[in-house]
Amino acid sequence: MKPIPDHLKEDLDVLFIGFNPSIRSSETGHHYANPTNRFWTILYKAGLTDRKVDADKDFTLLQKGYGFTNIVSRPTRNAQEISSAEYKQGRDELIKKITTYRPKIACFVGKGVYQQYSRRKDVDWGAQKDPVVPGVIEFVAPSSSGLVRIKMDEIVVIYKQLLNYF
């Protein structure tokens, strides 16, 4: 399985950060490509896109100011397969990416992603205090995985809050 490319440029409105690519994302080369992942539906329902984007068009959102990366680049079937060494290395690399590209918002797609990045245990949804990279809003949103048991409407409300920052 191969990693998928980041979609990055300077001064993004939002950099979406996932755990790592799924097997399906690795096979297709696109972010959030697993058919059970609700990411693209969430963005649309939250008003972040004007239509539901297909995963194979993920790169087109750079023009809208949205980028994509992961804390770990190695594809796995689930996040439980990621080692602590991979998280440590991924955290260091992610700090460099955020420092270099300076998105307005670093949106962590899953509380666990932010916990690995920030090394904080107590994390609420939404904007966080004391960002790891000063000057960047660190925003925690629920994972878009189909395994998440939060109702879609509740997830959409959280993602909609991103619109308040740009």
N, C-alpha and C. Protein backbone atom coordinates (compact mmCIF):
# COMPACT_ATOMS: atom_id res chain seq x y z
N MET A 1 0.84 -1.18 0.00
CA MET A 1 0.00 0.00 0.00
C MET A 1 0.88 1.24 0.00
N LYS A 2 0.49 2.20 -0.79
CA LYS A 2 1.28 3.42 -0.88
C LYS A 2 0.54 4.60 -0.26
N PRO A 3 1.31 5.56 0.29
CA PRO A 3 0.68 6.78 0.82
C PRO A 3 -0.01 7.54 -0.30
N ILE A 4 -0.87 8.47 0.08
CA ILE A 4 -1.52 9.32 -0.93
C ILE A 4 -0.93 10.72 -0.83
N PRO A 5 -0.99 11.48 -1.91
CA PRO A 5 -0.37 12.81 -1.86
C PRO A 5 -1.16 13.78 -0.99
N ASP A 6 -0.41 14.63 -0.29
CA ASP A 6 -1.03 15.75 0.41
C ASP A 6 -1.52 16.74 -0.63
N HIS A 7 -2.52 17.51 -0.27
CA HIS A 7 -2.94 18.65 -1.10
C HIS A 7 -2.72 19.87 -0.23
N LEU A 8 -1.59 20.56 -0.48
CA LEU A 8 -1.16 21.67 0.36
C LEU A 8 -0.76 22.87 -0.48
N LYS A 9 -0.99 24.04 0.06
CA LYS A 9 -0.44 25.28 -0.47
C LYS A 9 -0.49 26.27 0.68
N GLU A 10 0.21 27.37 0.53
CA GLU A 10 0.26 28.37 1.60
C GLU A 10 -1.08 29.07 1.75
N ASP A 11 -1.35 29.49 2.99
CA ASP A 11 -2.51 30.32 3.33
C ASP A 11 -3.87 29.69 3.01
N LEU A 12 -4.00 28.39 3.23
CA LEU A 12 -5.30 27.74 3.08
C LEU A 12 -6.28 28.27 4.12
N ASP A 13 -7.55 28.25 3.79
CA ASP A 13 -8.56 28.55 4.80
C ASP A 13 -8.62 27.41 5.81
N VAL A 14 -8.67 26.16 5.31
CA VAL A 14 -8.75 25.00 6.18
C VAL A 14 -7.82 23.89 5.66
N LEU A 15 -7.03 23.35 6.56
CA LEU A 15 -6.26 22.15 6.28
C LEU A 15 -6.92 21.02 7.07
N PHE A 16 -7.54 20.08 6.36
CA PHE A 16 -8.18 18.94 7.00
C PHE A 16 -7.14 17.86 7.25
N ILE A 17 -7.10 17.37 8.49
CA ILE A 17 -6.06 16.42 8.90
C ILE A 17 -6.73 15.16 9.44
N GLY A 18 -6.48 14.05 8.76
CA GLY A 18 -7.02 12.77 9.19
C GLY A 18 -5.99 11.94 9.92
N PHE A 19 -6.42 10.75 10.35
CA PHE A 19 -5.49 9.82 11.00
C PHE A 19 -4.45 9.35 9.98
N ASN A 20 -4.93 8.64 8.95
CA ASN A 20 -4.08 8.10 7.91
C ASN A 20 -4.98 7.62 6.78
N PRO A 21 -4.40 7.33 5.62
CA PRO A 21 -5.24 6.89 4.50
C PRO A 21 -5.83 5.50 4.75
N SER A 22 -7.04 5.32 4.26
CA SER A 22 -7.64 3.99 4.25
C SER A 22 -7.02 3.17 3.12
N ILE A 23 -7.30 1.90 3.11
CA ILE A 23 -6.83 1.04 2.02
C ILE A 23 -7.42 1.55 0.70
N ARG A 24 -8.69 1.90 0.70
CA ARG A 24 -9.34 2.40 -0.51
C ARG A 24 -8.70 3.71 -0.98
N SER A 25 -8.37 4.58 -0.05
CA SER A 25 -7.69 5.83 -0.44
C SER A 25 -6.34 5.53 -1.06
N SER A 26 -5.63 4.56 -0.51
CA SER A 26 -4.34 4.17 -1.07
C SER A 26 -4.50 3.63 -2.49
N GLU A 27 -5.53 2.83 -2.69
CA GLU A 27 -5.78 2.25 -4.02
C GLU A 27 -6.14 3.32 -5.04
N THR A 28 -6.87 4.34 -4.63
CA THR A 28 -7.33 5.36 -5.57
C THR A 28 -6.42 6.59 -5.63
N GLY A 29 -5.64 6.80 -4.56
CA GLY A 29 -4.80 8.00 -4.50
C GLY A 29 -5.54 9.24 -4.05
N HIS A 30 -6.72 9.07 -3.44
CA HIS A 30 -7.53 10.22 -3.05
C HIS A 30 -7.97 10.12 -1.59
N HIS A 31 -8.11 11.28 -0.97
CA HIS A 31 -8.50 11.38 0.43
C HIS A 31 -9.97 11.01 0.63
N TYR A 32 -10.25 10.34 1.74
CA TYR A 32 -11.62 9.99 2.14
C TYR A 32 -12.36 9.24 1.03
N ALA A 33 -11.68 8.28 0.42
CA ALA A 33 -12.24 7.56 -0.73
C ALA A 33 -13.07 6.34 -0.35
N ASN A 34 -13.00 5.89 0.89
CA ASN A 34 -13.79 4.74 1.29
C ASN A 34 -15.27 5.09 1.16
N PRO A 35 -16.06 4.25 0.48
CA PRO A 35 -17.48 4.58 0.28
C PRO A 35 -18.27 4.72 1.58
N THR A 36 -17.79 4.14 2.68
CA THR A 36 -18.51 4.28 3.96
C THR A 36 -18.11 5.56 4.70
N ASN A 37 -17.10 6.26 4.20
CA ASN A 37 -16.68 7.49 4.86
C ASN A 37 -17.62 8.62 4.43
N ARG A 38 -18.06 9.40 5.41
CA ARG A 38 -19.07 10.44 5.16
C ARG A 38 -18.49 11.83 4.98
N PHE A 39 -17.18 11.94 4.83
CA PHE A 39 -16.51 13.24 4.79
C PHE A 39 -17.12 14.20 3.77
N TRP A 40 -17.26 13.74 2.54
CA TRP A 40 -17.71 14.63 1.47
C TRP A 40 -19.17 15.05 1.67
N THR A 41 -19.98 14.17 2.22
CA THR A 41 -21.36 14.51 2.56
C THR A 41 -21.41 15.54 3.68
N ILE A 42 -20.56 15.36 4.68
CA ILE A 42 -20.51 16.31 5.80
C ILE A 42 -20.13 17.71 5.32
N LEU A 43 -19.09 17.80 4.48
CA LEU A 43 -18.69 19.12 3.97
C LEU A 43 -19.85 19.80 3.25
N TYR A 44 -20.55 19.04 2.43
CA TYR A 44 -21.67 19.62 1.68
C TYR A 44 -22.80 20.05 2.62
N LYS A 45 -23.20 19.17 3.53
CA LYS A 45 -24.32 19.49 4.43
C LYS A 45 -23.97 20.64 5.38
N ALA A 46 -22.69 20.81 5.68
CA ALA A 46 -22.27 21.90 6.56
C ALA A 46 -22.12 23.23 5.82
N GLY A 47 -22.27 23.22 4.50
CA GLY A 47 -22.16 24.44 3.72
C GLY A 47 -20.73 24.81 3.37
N LEU A 48 -19.82 23.87 3.54
CA LEU A 48 -18.42 24.14 3.21
C LEU A 48 -18.13 23.94 1.72
N THR A 49 -18.99 23.18 1.05
CA THR A 49 -18.93 23.05 -0.40
C THR A 49 -20.34 23.26 -0.95
N ASP A 50 -20.44 23.65 -2.20
CA ASP A 50 -21.75 23.92 -2.80
C ASP A 50 -22.39 22.67 -3.40
N ARG A 51 -21.67 21.57 -3.37
CA ARG A 51 -22.17 20.28 -3.84
C ARG A 51 -21.35 19.19 -3.18
N LYS A 52 -21.83 17.96 -3.25
CA LYS A 52 -21.05 16.85 -2.72
C LYS A 52 -19.92 16.54 -3.71
N VAL A 53 -18.71 16.70 -3.25
CA VAL A 53 -17.53 16.47 -4.07
C VAL A 53 -17.23 14.97 -4.08
N ASP A 54 -16.83 14.45 -5.22
CA ASP A 54 -16.39 13.06 -5.30
C ASP A 54 -14.94 13.00 -4.84
N ALA A 55 -14.57 11.94 -4.16
CA ALA A 55 -13.21 11.81 -3.62
C ALA A 55 -12.15 12.00 -4.70
N ASP A 56 -12.42 11.56 -5.93
CA ASP A 56 -11.41 11.69 -6.98
C ASP A 56 -11.22 13.13 -7.45
N LYS A 57 -12.00 14.03 -6.89
CA LYS A 57 -11.86 15.48 -7.18
C LYS A 57 -11.33 16.24 -5.97
N ASP A 58 -10.76 15.52 -5.00
CA ASP A 58 -10.28 16.15 -3.76
C ASP A 58 -9.32 17.30 -4.03
N PHE A 59 -8.45 17.15 -5.01
CA PHE A 59 -7.45 18.16 -5.32
C PHE A 59 -8.06 19.47 -5.79
N THR A 60 -9.29 19.43 -6.33
CA THR A 60 -9.92 20.66 -6.82
C THR A 60 -10.27 21.62 -5.69
N LEU A 61 -10.33 21.11 -4.47
CA LEU A 61 -10.69 21.98 -3.34
C LEU A 61 -9.54 22.89 -2.91
N LEU A 62 -8.34 22.65 -3.43
CA LEU A 62 -7.24 23.60 -3.18
C LEU A 62 -7.64 24.99 -3.67
N GLN A 63 -8.35 25.05 -4.80
CA GLN A 63 -8.80 26.33 -5.36
C GLN A 63 -9.77 27.04 -4.42
N LYS A 64 -10.49 26.27 -3.62
CA LYS A 64 -11.45 26.83 -2.67
C LYS A 64 -10.77 27.19 -1.35
N GLY A 65 -9.51 26.79 -1.19
CA GLY A 65 -8.78 27.08 0.05
C GLY A 65 -8.78 25.94 1.04
N TYR A 66 -9.09 24.73 0.57
CA TYR A 66 -9.09 23.55 1.44
C TYR A 66 -7.97 22.61 1.04
N GLY A 67 -7.21 22.17 2.04
CA GLY A 67 -6.14 21.22 1.80
C GLY A 67 -6.35 19.96 2.63
N PHE A 68 -5.53 18.94 2.33
CA PHE A 68 -5.68 17.64 2.98
C PHE A 68 -4.33 17.02 3.29
N THR A 69 -4.24 16.46 4.48
CA THR A 69 -3.07 15.69 4.89
C THR A 69 -3.51 14.74 6.00
N ASN A 70 -2.58 13.96 6.49
CA ASN A 70 -2.84 13.01 7.58
C ASN A 70 -1.69 13.08 8.58
N ILE A 71 -1.96 12.66 9.80
CA ILE A 71 -0.89 12.64 10.80
C ILE A 71 0.08 11.48 10.52
N VAL A 72 -0.41 10.41 9.92
CA VAL A 72 0.42 9.26 9.53
C VAL A 72 0.14 8.98 8.07
N SER A 73 1.19 8.75 7.29
CA SER A 73 1.00 8.57 5.85
C SER A 73 0.75 7.12 5.45
N ARG A 74 1.08 6.16 6.30
CA ARG A 74 0.93 4.74 5.94
C ARG A 74 -0.54 4.33 5.97
N PRO A 75 -1.03 3.78 4.87
CA PRO A 75 -2.42 3.31 4.85
C PRO A 75 -2.59 2.08 5.74
N THR A 76 -3.74 2.02 6.41
CA THR A 76 -4.10 0.85 7.22
C THR A 76 -5.60 0.62 7.11
N ARG A 77 -6.03 -0.52 7.60
CA ARG A 77 -7.46 -0.82 7.63
C ARG A 77 -8.18 0.02 8.68
N ASN A 78 -7.47 0.33 9.79
CA ASN A 78 -8.04 1.18 10.84
C ASN A 78 -6.93 1.84 11.63
N ALA A 79 -7.29 2.85 12.41
CA ALA A 79 -6.31 3.64 13.14
C ALA A 79 -5.61 2.85 14.25
N GLN A 80 -6.22 1.75 14.70
CA GLN A 80 -5.60 0.95 15.75
C GLN A 80 -4.30 0.29 15.28
N GLU A 81 -4.09 0.22 13.98
CA GLU A 81 -2.87 -0.38 13.43
C GLU A 81 -1.68 0.59 13.43
N ILE A 82 -1.90 1.83 13.79
CA ILE A 82 -0.83 2.83 13.79
C ILE A 82 -0.03 2.71 15.08
N SER A 83 1.30 2.67 14.95
CA SER A 83 2.16 2.52 16.13
C SER A 83 2.45 3.87 16.78
N SER A 84 2.87 3.83 18.03
CA SER A 84 3.22 5.08 18.72
C SER A 84 4.41 5.76 18.05
N ALA A 85 5.33 4.99 17.50
CA ALA A 85 6.47 5.57 16.78
C ALA A 85 5.99 6.32 15.53
N GLU A 86 5.01 5.75 14.83
CA GLU A 86 4.47 6.42 13.64
C GLU A 86 3.77 7.72 14.03
N TYR A 87 3.03 7.68 15.14
CA TYR A 87 2.37 8.92 15.60
C TYR A 87 3.40 9.98 15.97
N LYS A 88 4.47 9.59 16.63
CA LYS A 88 5.50 10.57 17.01
C LYS A 88 6.12 11.21 15.77
N GLN A 89 6.51 10.37 14.81
CA GLN A 89 7.10 10.89 13.58
C GLN A 89 6.08 11.75 12.83
N GLY A 90 4.83 11.28 12.75
CA GLY A 90 3.79 12.02 12.05
C GLY A 90 3.51 13.35 12.71
N ARG A 91 3.52 13.38 14.03
CA ARG A 91 3.30 14.63 14.76
C ARG A 91 4.37 15.65 14.39
N ASP A 92 5.63 15.23 14.42
CA ASP A 92 6.74 16.13 14.07
C ASP A 92 6.59 16.66 12.65
N GLU A 93 6.24 15.76 11.72
CA GLU A 93 6.08 16.17 10.32
C GLU A 93 4.88 17.11 10.16
N LEU A 94 3.81 16.83 10.90
CA LEU A 94 2.62 17.68 10.81
C LEU A 94 2.88 19.08 11.35
N ILE A 95 3.61 19.18 12.43
CA ILE A 95 3.96 20.50 12.97
C ILE A 95 4.75 21.29 11.91
N LYS A 96 5.67 20.62 11.22
CA LYS A 96 6.45 21.29 10.16
C LYS A 96 5.53 21.76 9.02
N LYS A 97 4.58 20.90 8.62
CA LYS A 97 3.66 21.27 7.53
C LYS A 97 2.82 22.48 7.93
N ILE A 98 2.27 22.45 9.13
CA ILE A 98 1.41 23.56 9.57
C ILE A 98 2.22 24.84 9.71
N THR A 99 3.43 24.73 10.23
CA THR A 99 4.30 25.90 10.38
C THR A 99 4.69 26.46 9.01
N THR A 100 4.94 25.61 8.06
CA THR A 100 5.36 26.03 6.72
C THR A 100 4.20 26.62 5.92
N TYR A 101 3.06 25.96 5.90
CA TYR A 101 1.96 26.37 5.04
C TYR A 101 0.99 27.35 5.68
N ARG A 102 0.98 27.46 7.01
CA ARG A 102 0.20 28.45 7.76
C ARG A 102 -1.28 28.52 7.36
N PRO A 103 -2.00 27.41 7.43
CA PRO A 103 -3.45 27.52 7.17
C PRO A 103 -4.11 28.37 8.24
N LYS A 104 -5.23 28.99 7.91
CA LYS A 104 -5.98 29.73 8.94
C LYS A 104 -6.46 28.75 10.01
N ILE A 105 -6.99 27.61 9.54
CA ILE A 105 -7.54 26.59 10.45
C ILE A 105 -6.91 25.24 10.14
N ALA A 106 -6.44 24.57 11.16
CA ALA A 106 -6.04 23.16 11.05
C ALA A 106 -7.20 22.38 11.65
N CYS A 107 -7.98 21.71 10.80
CA CYS A 107 -9.15 20.97 11.26
C CYS A 107 -8.79 19.49 11.40
N PHE A 108 -8.82 19.01 12.61
CA PHE A 108 -8.48 17.63 12.91
C PHE A 108 -9.75 16.79 12.81
N VAL A 109 -9.76 15.87 11.85
CA VAL A 109 -10.93 15.05 11.57
C VAL A 109 -10.88 13.83 12.49
N GLY A 110 -11.28 14.06 13.72
CA GLY A 110 -11.27 13.04 14.76
C GLY A 110 -10.56 13.54 15.99
N LYS A 111 -11.17 13.33 17.13
CA LYS A 111 -10.58 13.76 18.40
C LYS A 111 -9.24 13.08 18.64
N GLY A 112 -9.15 11.81 18.28
CA GLY A 112 -7.91 11.07 18.47
C GLY A 112 -6.74 11.62 17.68
N VAL A 113 -7.03 12.16 16.50
CA VAL A 113 -5.96 12.78 15.69
C VAL A 113 -5.38 13.95 16.47
N TYR A 114 -6.27 14.79 17.00
CA TYR A 114 -5.79 15.95 17.75
C TYR A 114 -5.08 15.54 19.04
N GLN A 115 -5.57 14.52 19.69
CA GLN A 115 -4.91 14.06 20.92
C GLN A 115 -3.48 13.59 20.63
N GLN A 116 -3.28 12.90 19.53
CA GLN A 116 -1.93 12.47 19.16
C GLN A 116 -1.05 13.68 18.82
N TYR A 117 -1.62 14.64 18.12
CA TYR A 117 -0.88 15.82 17.69
C TYR A 117 -0.53 16.73 18.87
N SER A 118 -1.52 17.00 19.70
CA SER A 118 -1.34 17.99 20.79
C SER A 118 -0.79 17.38 22.07
N ARG A 119 -0.87 16.06 22.16
CA ARG A 119 -0.49 15.33 23.38
C ARG A 119 -1.36 15.75 24.57
N ARG A 120 -2.60 16.11 24.27
CA ARG A 120 -3.56 16.48 25.30
C ARG A 120 -4.65 15.41 25.36
N LYS A 121 -5.10 15.11 26.56
CA LYS A 121 -6.15 14.09 26.72
C LYS A 121 -7.54 14.68 26.67
N ASP A 122 -7.74 15.80 27.38
CA ASP A 122 -9.06 16.42 27.46
C ASP A 122 -9.25 17.39 26.30
N VAL A 123 -10.08 16.99 25.36
CA VAL A 123 -10.28 17.77 24.14
C VAL A 123 -11.78 17.87 23.89
N ASP A 124 -12.24 19.08 23.61
CA ASP A 124 -13.64 19.30 23.25
C ASP A 124 -13.74 19.52 21.74
N TRP A 125 -14.94 19.43 21.22
CA TRP A 125 -15.17 19.76 19.81
C TRP A 125 -14.96 21.25 19.61
N GLY A 126 -14.53 21.64 18.42
CA GLY A 126 -14.39 23.05 18.06
C GLY A 126 -12.98 23.56 18.23
N ALA A 127 -12.86 24.90 18.27
CA ALA A 127 -11.56 25.56 18.37
C ALA A 127 -10.93 25.28 19.74
N GLN A 128 -9.63 25.06 19.73
CA GLN A 128 -8.88 24.72 20.93
C GLN A 128 -8.10 25.93 21.44
N LYS A 129 -7.88 25.95 22.74
CA LYS A 129 -7.04 27.00 23.34
C LYS A 129 -5.58 26.59 23.22
N ASP A 130 -4.70 27.57 23.22
CA ASP A 130 -3.25 27.33 23.22
C ASP A 130 -2.82 26.40 22.08
N PRO A 131 -2.90 26.87 20.84
CA PRO A 131 -2.52 26.01 19.72
C PRO A 131 -1.05 25.59 19.78
N VAL A 132 -0.77 24.42 19.27
CA VAL A 132 0.60 23.92 19.19
C VAL A 132 1.43 24.84 18.29
N VAL A 133 0.84 25.25 17.17
CA VAL A 133 1.48 26.21 16.26
C VAL A 133 0.77 27.55 16.44
N PRO A 134 1.41 28.49 17.14
CA PRO A 134 0.76 29.79 17.40
C PRO A 134 0.29 30.47 16.12
N GLY A 135 -0.89 31.09 16.20
CA GLY A 135 -1.43 31.83 15.07
C GLY A 135 -2.30 30.99 14.14
N VAL A 136 -2.38 29.69 14.38
CA VAL A 136 -3.23 28.80 13.58
C VAL A 136 -4.37 28.32 14.49
N ILE A 137 -5.60 28.45 14.02
CA ILE A 137 -6.74 27.94 14.78
C ILE A 137 -6.74 26.42 14.66
N GLU A 138 -6.70 25.74 15.79
CA GLU A 138 -6.77 24.28 15.80
C GLU A 138 -8.20 23.90 16.17
N PHE A 139 -8.86 23.24 15.23
CA PHE A 139 -10.28 22.92 15.35
C PHE A 139 -10.46 21.41 15.33
N VAL A 140 -11.18 20.89 16.31
CA VAL A 140 -11.40 19.45 16.40
C VAL A 140 -12.84 19.14 16.00
N ALA A 141 -12.97 18.26 15.01
CA ALA A 141 -14.28 17.83 14.52
C ALA A 141 -14.36 16.30 14.61
N PRO A 142 -15.55 15.76 14.66
CA PRO A 142 -15.67 14.31 14.71
C PRO A 142 -15.10 13.64 13.45
N SER A 143 -14.64 12.45 13.63
CA SER A 143 -14.22 11.65 12.49
C SER A 143 -15.41 11.45 11.56
N SER A 144 -15.13 11.35 10.28
CA SER A 144 -16.19 11.14 9.30
C SER A 144 -16.39 9.67 8.98
N SER A 145 -15.67 8.82 9.66
CA SER A 145 -15.79 7.38 9.46
C SER A 145 -17.23 6.92 9.68
N GLY A 146 -17.64 5.97 8.90
CA GLY A 146 -18.96 5.39 9.08
C GLY A 146 -19.11 4.66 10.40
N LEU A 147 -18.00 4.41 11.10
CA LEU A 147 -18.04 3.71 12.39
C LEU A 147 -18.42 4.65 13.55
N VAL A 148 -18.32 5.96 13.31
CA VAL A 148 -18.62 6.93 14.36
C VAL A 148 -20.11 6.90 14.66
N ARG A 149 -20.44 6.90 15.94
CA ARG A 149 -21.84 6.74 16.34
C ARG A 149 -22.56 8.07 16.60
N ILE A 150 -21.90 9.17 16.35
CA ILE A 150 -22.56 10.47 16.50
C ILE A 150 -23.50 10.66 15.31
N LYS A 151 -24.67 11.19 15.56
CA LYS A 151 -25.64 11.40 14.48
C LYS A 151 -25.10 12.40 13.47
N MET A 152 -25.41 12.16 12.21
CA MET A 152 -24.93 13.02 11.12
C MET A 152 -25.28 14.48 11.37
N ASP A 153 -26.50 14.77 11.81
CA ASP A 153 -26.90 16.16 12.04
C ASP A 153 -26.02 16.82 13.09
N GLU A 154 -25.63 16.10 14.11
CA GLU A 154 -24.76 16.65 15.16
C GLU A 154 -23.35 16.90 14.63
N ILE A 155 -22.87 16.00 13.79
CA ILE A 155 -21.54 16.18 13.18
C ILE A 155 -21.55 17.42 12.28
N VAL A 156 -22.60 17.58 11.49
CA VAL A 156 -22.71 18.71 10.57
C VAL A 156 -22.69 20.03 11.34
N VAL A 157 -23.38 20.10 12.47
CA VAL A 157 -23.40 21.32 13.28
C VAL A 157 -21.98 21.70 13.71
N ILE A 158 -21.19 20.73 14.07
CA ILE A 158 -19.81 21.01 14.50
C ILE A 158 -18.99 21.51 13.32
N TYR A 159 -19.07 20.86 12.18
CA TYR A 159 -18.31 21.29 11.00
C TYR A 159 -18.75 22.67 10.52
N LYS A 160 -20.03 22.98 10.67
CA LYS A 160 -20.55 24.29 10.26
C LYS A 160 -19.84 25.43 10.99
N GLN A 161 -19.40 25.17 12.20
CA GLN A 161 -18.69 26.18 12.99
C GLN A 161 -17.43 26.68 12.30
N LEU A 162 -16.86 25.88 11.40
CA LEU A 162 -15.67 26.31 10.67
C LEU A 162 -15.93 27.60 9.90
N LEU A 163 -17.16 27.76 9.42
CA LEU A 163 -17.50 28.94 8.63
C LEU A 163 -17.37 30.24 9.42
N ASN A 164 -17.37 30.16 10.74
CA ASN A 164 -17.22 31.35 11.58
C ASN A 164 -15.81 31.92 11.58
N TYR A 165 -14.85 31.18 11.04
CA TYR A 165 -13.45 31.59 11.12
C TYR A 165 -12.88 32.10 9.81
N PHE A 166 -13.69 32.10 8.74
CA PHE A 166 -13.18 32.66 7.48
C PHE A 166 -14.31 33.23 6.65
